[in-house]
Amino acid sequence: MILGYEVFGDNLESYSVNVRTGTTINSGKIVPAYTAQQIELAVYPFDMTALNYLPEGFYTLQDVKAYQIGPAAITPFSQFVYDGNTYEVQAVMDRSDDPEVYFTEYLCKRLTV
């Protein structure tokens, strides 16, 4: 069995993700463009152990990591709501090219308080 399914399969939930697709001009200003997509993710809060391996001071215990089975379908700066808070994807690590792992990890910053 593929590791991604073994580890995250029971925790996958469907999320409406506003996937950043580029930029557009609105009233003379450049603004982000998004497309809403339903994507299955397993979302976990950061713990102190995970924070020790990340750039110091960038991520906090309020931020999350999300996992998707298969190749990356979410781009950096895409947004989704988890537990009543909006999160923005900051980093994408696609490990789907390894057939024994086959998942993508997203590191996400909390935007709302």
C-alpha atoms as a PDB file:
ATOM      1  CA  MET A   1       0.000   0.000   0.000  1.00  0.00           C
ATOM      2  CA  ILE A   2       1.114   3.567  -0.684  1.00  0.00           C
ATOM      3  CA  LEU A   3       2.408   5.421   2.397  1.00  0.00           C
ATOM      4  CA  GLY A   4       0.191   8.484   1.809  1.00  0.00           C
ATOM      5  CA  TYR A   5      -2.978   6.404   2.088  1.00  0.00           C
ATOM      6  CA  GLU A   6      -1.699   4.497   5.118  1.00  0.00           C
ATOM      7  CA  VAL A   7      -0.800   7.641   7.046  1.00  0.00           C
ATOM      8  CA  PHE A   8      -3.459  10.180   5.976  1.00  0.00           C
ATOM      9  CA  GLY A   9      -6.306   8.153   4.459  1.00  0.00           C
ATOM     10  CA  ASP A  10      -8.522   8.103   7.574  1.00  0.00           C
ATOM     11  CA  ASN A  11      -8.089  11.855   8.147  1.00  0.00           C
ATOM     12  CA  LEU A  12      -8.889  13.132   4.651  1.00  0.00           C
ATOM     13  CA  GLU A  13     -11.718  15.675   4.428  1.00  0.00           C
ATOM     14  CA  SER A  14     -13.007  17.687   1.497  1.00  0.00           C
ATOM     15  CA  TYR A  15     -12.107  21.395   1.596  1.00  0.00           C
ATOM     16  CA  SER A  16     -13.064  24.228  -0.706  1.00  0.00           C
ATOM     17  CA  VAL A  17      -9.666  25.630  -1.675  1.00  0.00           C
ATOM     18  CA  ASN A  18      -9.290  28.956  -3.463  1.00  0.00           C
ATOM     19  CA  VAL A  19      -6.409  27.977  -5.721  1.00  0.00           C
ATOM     20  CA  ARG A  20      -4.316  30.953  -6.794  1.00  0.00           C
ATOM     21  CA  THR A  21      -4.227  30.970 -10.575  1.00  0.00           C
ATOM     22  CA  GLY A  22      -2.368  34.228 -11.181  1.00  0.00           C
ATOM     23  CA  THR A  23      -3.353  37.883 -11.127  1.00  0.00           C
ATOM     24  CA  THR A  24      -5.938  40.095 -12.751  1.00  0.00           C
ATOM     25  CA  ILE A  25      -6.563  43.830 -12.987  1.00  0.00           C
ATOM     26  CA  ASN A  26      -9.534  45.176 -11.039  1.00  0.00           C
ATOM     27  CA  SER A  27     -10.261  48.940 -11.040  1.00  0.00           C
ATOM     28  CA  GLY A  28      -6.710  49.597 -12.200  1.00  0.00           C
ATOM     29  CA  LYS A  29      -5.118  47.483  -9.440  1.00  0.00           C
ATOM     30  CA  ILE A  30      -3.371  44.145  -9.795  1.00  0.00           C
ATOM     31  CA  VAL A  31      -5.145  41.612  -7.560  1.00  0.00           C
ATOM     32  CA  PRO A  32      -4.779  37.845  -7.072  1.00  0.00           C
ATOM     33  CA  ALA A  33      -7.009  35.569  -9.158  1.00  0.00           C
ATOM     34  CA  TYR A  34      -8.439  32.401  -7.594  1.00  0.00           C
ATOM     35  CA  THR A  35     -10.428  29.369  -8.721  1.00  0.00           C
ATOM     36  CA  ALA A  36     -12.424  27.426  -6.121  1.00  0.00           C
ATOM     37  CA  GLN A  37     -11.772  23.663  -6.110  1.00  0.00           C
ATOM     38  CA  GLN A  38     -12.883  20.844  -3.809  1.00  0.00           C
ATOM     39  CA  ILE A  39      -9.740  19.024  -2.645  1.00  0.00           C
ATOM     40  CA  GLU A  40      -9.327  16.257  -0.087  1.00  0.00           C
ATOM     41  CA  LEU A  41      -6.764  17.172   2.561  1.00  0.00           C
ATOM     42  CA  ALA A  42      -5.607  15.880   5.923  1.00  0.00           C
ATOM     43  CA  VAL A  43      -4.874  18.966   8.055  1.00  0.00           C
ATOM     44  CA  TYR A  44      -2.757  18.938  11.230  1.00  0.00           C
ATOM     45  CA  PRO A  45      -1.635  21.762  13.528  1.00  0.00           C
ATOM     46  CA  PHE A  46       2.102  22.275  13.927  1.00  0.00           C
ATOM     47  CA  ASP A  47       3.682  20.936  17.106  1.00  0.00           C
ATOM     48  CA  MET A  48       6.952  22.035  18.697  1.00  0.00           C
ATOM     49  CA  THR A  49       8.885  19.162  17.112  1.00  0.00           C
ATOM     50  CA  ALA A  50       7.837  20.214  13.597  1.00  0.00           C
ATOM     51  CA  LEU A  51       8.615  23.860  14.327  1.00  0.00           C
ATOM     52  CA  ASN A  52      12.199  22.938  15.255  1.00  0.00           C
ATOM     53  CA  TYR A  53      12.812  21.814  11.659  1.00  0.00           C
ATOM     54  CA  LEU A  54      11.368  24.950  10.012  1.00  0.00           C
ATOM     55  CA  PRO A  55      12.765  28.473   9.581  1.00  0.00           C
ATOM     56  CA  GLU A  56      12.854  30.104  13.008  1.00  0.00           C
ATOM     57  CA  GLY A  57      10.062  32.571  13.653  1.00  0.00           C
ATOM     58  CA  PHE A  58       8.161  32.077  10.375  1.00  0.00           C
ATOM     59  CA  TYR A  59       5.684  29.412  11.474  1.00  0.00           C
ATOM     60  CA  THR A  60       3.884  29.244  14.839  1.00  0.00           C
ATOM     61  CA  LEU A  61       1.660  26.800  16.709  1.00  0.00           C
ATOM     62  CA  GLN A  62      -1.316  28.584  15.076  1.00  0.00           C
ATOM     63  CA  ASP A  63      -0.219  27.421  11.616  1.00  0.00           C
ATOM     64  CA  VAL A  64      -0.938  24.047   9.985  1.00  0.00           C
ATOM     65  CA  LYS A  65       0.447  21.503   7.583  1.00  0.00           C
ATOM     66  CA  ALA A  66      -1.887  19.846   5.104  1.00  0.00           C
ATOM     67  CA  TYR A  67      -1.415  16.653   3.110  1.00  0.00           C
ATOM     68  CA  GLN A  68      -2.961  15.605  -0.180  1.00  0.00           C
ATOM     69  CA  ILE A  69      -2.733  12.157  -1.722  1.00  0.00           C
ATOM     70  CA  GLY A  70      -1.092  12.419  -5.134  1.00  0.00           C
ATOM     71  CA  PRO A  71       0.499  15.294  -7.038  1.00  0.00           C
ATOM     72  CA  ALA A  72       0.129  18.930  -5.981  1.00  0.00           C
ATOM     73  CA  ALA A  73      -3.181  20.522  -6.966  1.00  0.00           C
ATOM     74  CA  ILE A  74      -2.684  23.648  -4.844  1.00  0.00           C
ATOM     75  CA  THR A  75      -0.303  26.491  -5.636  1.00  0.00           C
ATOM     76  CA  PRO A  76       1.460  28.798  -3.177  1.00  0.00           C
ATOM     77  CA  PHE A  77      -0.759  31.619  -1.835  1.00  0.00           C
ATOM     78  CA  SER A  78      -3.907  29.511  -2.278  1.00  0.00           C
ATOM     79  CA  GLN A  79      -6.322  29.721   0.659  1.00  0.00           C
ATOM     80  CA  PHE A  80      -8.731  27.455   2.554  1.00  0.00           C
ATOM     81  CA  VAL A  81     -10.721  27.515   5.783  1.00  0.00           C
ATOM     82  CA  TYR A  82      -9.937  25.026   8.548  1.00  0.00           C
ATOM     83  CA  ASP A  83     -11.529  25.109  11.998  1.00  0.00           C
ATOM     84  CA  GLY A  84     -13.026  28.554  11.331  1.00  0.00           C
ATOM     85  CA  ASN A  85      -9.723  30.176  10.314  1.00  0.00           C
ATOM     86  CA  THR A  86      -8.364  31.040   6.882  1.00  0.00           C
ATOM     87  CA  TYR A  87      -4.960  29.599   5.993  1.00  0.00           C
ATOM     88  CA  GLU A  88      -2.660  30.478   3.105  1.00  0.00           C
ATOM     89  CA  VAL A  89      -0.294  27.963   1.520  1.00  0.00           C
ATOM     90  CA  GLN A  90       3.305  29.163   1.827  1.00  0.00           C
ATOM     91  CA  ALA A  91       5.258  26.093   0.706  1.00  0.00           C
ATOM     92  CA  VAL A  92       4.507  23.043  -1.445  1.00  0.00           C
ATOM     93  CA  MET A  93       6.526  19.809  -1.228  1.00  0.00           C
ATOM     94  CA  ASP A  94       5.335  17.384  -3.923  1.00  0.00           C
ATOM     95  CA  ARG A  95       6.495  13.856  -3.129  1.00  0.00           C
ATOM     96  CA  SER A  96       4.148  12.152  -5.571  1.00  0.00           C
ATOM     97  CA  ASP A  97       6.995  11.155  -7.894  1.00  0.00           C
ATOM     98  CA  ASP A  98       7.990   8.525  -5.309  1.00  0.00           C
ATOM     99  CA  PRO A  99       5.509   5.657  -5.867  1.00  0.00           C
ATOM    100  CA  GLU A 100       5.947   4.422  -2.286  1.00  0.00           C
ATOM    101  CA  VAL A 101       5.065   7.797  -0.750  1.00  0.00           C
ATOM    102  CA  TYR A 102       2.724   9.490  -3.291  1.00  0.00           C
ATOM    103  CA  PHE A 103       1.577  12.578  -1.371  1.00  0.00           C
ATOM    104  CA  THR A 104       2.048  16.351  -1.322  1.00  0.00           C
ATOM    105  CA  GLU A 105       2.716  18.386   1.831  1.00  0.00           C
ATOM    106  CA  TYR A 106       1.631  22.014   2.202  1.00  0.00           C
ATOM    107  CA  LEU A 107       2.882  24.411   4.925  1.00  0.00           C
ATOM    108  CA  CYS A 108       0.208  26.983   5.687  1.00  0.00           C
ATOM    109  CA  LYS A 109       0.073  30.281   7.630  1.00  0.00           C
ATOM    110  CA  ARG A 110      -3.035  31.313   9.561  1.00  0.00           C
ATOM    111  CA  LEU A 111      -4.449  34.577   8.187  1.00  0.00           C
ATOM    112  CA  THR A 112      -7.411  35.171  10.519  1.00  0.00           C
ATOM    113  CA  VAL A 113      -7.520  35.453  14.286  1.00  0.00           C
END
